[in-house]
């Protein structure tokens, strides 16, 4: 198997992020974070409560990461692109979280900032590893015929 180390790193990262997102999504949906996440922080956003963000965290981030981890060893182009897409989803989720929650100074605490930076960095890592894998294994499928015409 080509690039086994990259695939293992992708799979382990995606499983860890996916399991964490499942737990976070369930916690948001069950109200376990209600004491730390006031509804006032959602004022001026499309959300009236944390139900939709919880579903997105649970299904899109958690489920998507676990699906990407399960397919990363298939050695198919779409599996690598799924990992790249999940890296972008992770980045997007964190950017939206920062834009919504960090408008309030009481929401900006060290642990939250560390978590946001960590998950943003993990999104960049996933995207970078997947793009690197795609460049080394699948790019020639799209560009080989074009370069022979030059």
Protein backbone atom coordinates (compact mmCIF):
# COMPACT_ATOMS: atom_id res chain seq x y z
CA UNK A 1 0.00 0.00 0.00
CA UNK A 2 1.35 3.37 -1.03
CA UNK A 3 1.88 6.06 1.57
CA UNK A 4 0.73 3.89 4.46
CA UNK A 5 2.04 6.34 7.08
CA UNK A 6 -0.04 9.21 5.70
CA UNK A 7 -3.13 6.99 5.56
CA UNK A 8 -2.61 5.80 9.14
CA UNK A 9 -2.14 9.39 10.35
CA UNK A 10 -5.31 10.47 8.51
CA UNK A 11 -7.33 7.56 9.90
CA UNK A 12 -6.19 8.03 13.51
CA UNK A 13 -6.78 11.80 13.36
CA UNK A 14 -10.21 11.36 11.77
CA UNK A 15 -11.27 8.74 14.33
CA UNK A 16 -10.18 10.92 17.26
CA UNK A 17 -11.86 14.03 15.86
CA UNK A 18 -14.96 12.04 14.89
CA UNK A 19 -15.40 10.48 18.31
CA UNK A 20 -14.87 13.85 19.98
CA UNK A 21 -17.40 15.47 17.67
CA UNK A 22 -19.94 12.72 18.37
CA UNK A 23 -19.52 13.32 22.10
CA UNK A 24 -19.68 17.09 21.69
CA UNK A 25 -22.75 16.86 19.48
CA UNK A 26 -24.54 14.59 21.95
CA UNK A 27 -23.60 16.94 24.80
CA UNK A 28 -24.97 19.96 22.92
CA UNK A 29 -28.18 18.14 22.04
CA UNK A 30 -28.72 16.88 25.57
CA UNK A 31 -28.08 20.25 27.18
CA UNK A 32 -24.98 19.10 29.06
CA UNK A 33 -23.19 22.35 28.15
CA UNK A 34 -26.10 24.68 28.96
CA UNK A 35 -24.38 26.08 32.05
CA UNK A 36 -21.32 27.07 29.99
CA UNK A 37 -23.03 28.10 26.75
CA UNK A 38 -25.65 30.78 27.37
CA UNK A 39 -28.31 31.23 24.68
CA UNK A 40 -27.44 34.94 24.68
CA UNK A 41 -24.29 34.04 22.73
CA UNK A 42 -26.51 33.03 19.81
CA UNK A 43 -28.21 36.44 19.62
CA UNK A 44 -27.97 37.82 16.11
CA UNK A 45 -27.26 34.41 14.58
CA UNK A 46 -29.58 32.09 12.67
CA UNK A 47 -29.75 29.80 15.73
CA UNK A 48 -32.26 30.13 18.57
CA UNK A 49 -30.59 27.33 20.54
CA UNK A 50 -27.71 24.86 20.23
CA UNK A 51 -29.80 22.13 18.54
CA UNK A 52 -28.68 22.81 14.94
CA UNK A 53 -25.00 23.34 15.88
CA UNK A 54 -25.22 20.10 17.90
CA UNK A 55 -26.67 18.20 14.93
CA UNK A 56 -24.01 19.59 12.62
CA UNK A 57 -21.28 18.62 15.07
CA UNK A 58 -22.76 15.16 15.56
CA UNK A 59 -23.71 14.23 12.00
CA UNK A 60 -21.59 16.32 9.66
CA UNK A 61 -18.35 16.56 11.62
CA UNK A 62 -18.53 13.37 13.71
CA UNK A 63 -20.17 11.13 11.15
CA UNK A 64 -18.17 12.60 8.27
CA UNK A 65 -14.86 12.11 10.07
CA UNK A 66 -15.68 8.51 10.93
CA UNK A 67 -16.76 7.84 7.34
CA UNK A 68 -13.52 9.40 6.06
CA UNK A 69 -11.50 7.28 8.49
CA UNK A 70 -13.33 4.12 7.41
CA UNK A 71 -12.61 4.78 3.73
CA UNK A 72 -9.06 6.14 3.83
CA UNK A 73 -7.56 2.69 3.12
CA UNK A 74 -9.78 2.01 0.08
CA UNK A 75 -7.13 3.54 -2.18
CA UNK A 76 -9.71 5.38 -4.22
CA UNK A 77 -9.49 9.00 -5.25
CA UNK A 78 -12.88 9.86 -3.75
CA UNK A 79 -11.73 8.57 -0.33
CA UNK A 80 -8.75 10.93 -0.33
CA UNK A 81 -10.98 13.79 -1.48
CA UNK A 82 -13.41 12.97 1.35
CA UNK A 83 -10.56 13.36 3.85
CA UNK A 84 -9.63 16.71 2.30
CA UNK A 85 -13.26 17.80 2.41
CA UNK A 86 -13.54 16.82 6.07
CA UNK A 87 -10.46 18.91 6.82
CA UNK A 88 -12.22 21.85 5.18
CA UNK A 89 -15.41 21.09 7.14
CA UNK A 90 -13.39 21.14 10.36
CA UNK A 91 -11.83 24.48 9.43
CA UNK A 92 -15.24 25.89 8.50
CA UNK A 93 -16.85 24.68 11.71
CA UNK A 94 -14.17 26.36 13.80
CA UNK A 95 -14.32 29.60 11.81
CA UNK A 96 -18.11 29.76 12.31
CA UNK A 97 -17.72 28.91 16.00
CA UNK A 98 -15.17 31.69 16.48
CA UNK A 99 -17.32 34.16 14.55
CA UNK A 100 -20.42 33.37 16.61
CA UNK A 101 -19.16 32.61 20.11
CA UNK A 102 -16.04 34.73 20.38
CA UNK A 103 -18.03 37.94 19.92
CA UNK A 104 -18.54 37.80 23.69
CA UNK A 105 -15.55 38.52 25.89
CA UNK A 106 -16.78 36.10 28.58
CA UNK A 107 -16.64 33.32 25.98
CA UNK A 108 -12.96 33.89 25.31
CA UNK A 109 -11.26 31.73 27.91
CA UNK A 110 -7.94 29.96 27.55
CA UNK A 111 -9.41 26.47 27.23
CA UNK A 112 -11.82 27.57 24.49
CA UNK A 113 -9.12 29.36 22.52
CA UNK A 114 -6.78 26.36 22.84
CA UNK A 115 -9.56 24.03 21.64
CA UNK A 116 -10.38 26.29 18.69
CA UNK A 117 -6.75 26.62 17.64
CA UNK A 118 -6.19 22.86 18.07
CA UNK A 119 -9.18 21.85 15.94
CA UNK A 120 -8.42 24.50 13.34
CA UNK A 121 -4.88 23.12 13.15
CA UNK A 122 -6.18 19.55 12.89
CA UNK A 123 -8.42 20.62 10.02
CA UNK A 124 -5.42 22.13 8.24
CA UNK A 125 -3.41 18.96 8.95
CA UNK A 126 -6.13 16.68 7.54
CA UNK A 127 -6.53 18.83 4.46
CA UNK A 128 -2.77 19.03 3.94
CA UNK A 129 -2.22 15.29 4.34
CA UNK A 130 -5.10 14.45 2.02
CA UNK A 131 -3.97 16.94 -0.63
CA UNK A 132 -0.43 15.58 -0.38
CA UNK A 133 -1.75 12.05 -0.83
CA UNK A 134 -3.90 13.12 -3.78
CA UNK A 135 -0.95 14.93 -5.40
CA UNK A 136 1.29 11.88 -5.17
CA UNK A 137 -1.25 9.21 -6.09
CA UNK A 138 -4.01 10.69 -8.25
CA UNK A 139 -2.90 13.97 -9.81
CA UNK A 140 -1.41 12.19 -12.81
CA UNK A 141 -4.88 10.86 -13.69
CA UNK A 142 -6.06 14.39 -14.36
CA UNK A 143 -2.97 16.07 -15.74
CA UNK A 144 -1.05 13.36 -17.64
CA UNK A 145 -3.14 13.57 -20.81
CA UNK A 146 -3.01 17.37 -20.79
CA UNK A 147 0.76 17.54 -20.45
CA UNK A 148 1.30 15.11 -23.36
CA UNK A 149 -0.56 17.53 -25.65
CA UNK A 150 1.85 20.38 -24.90
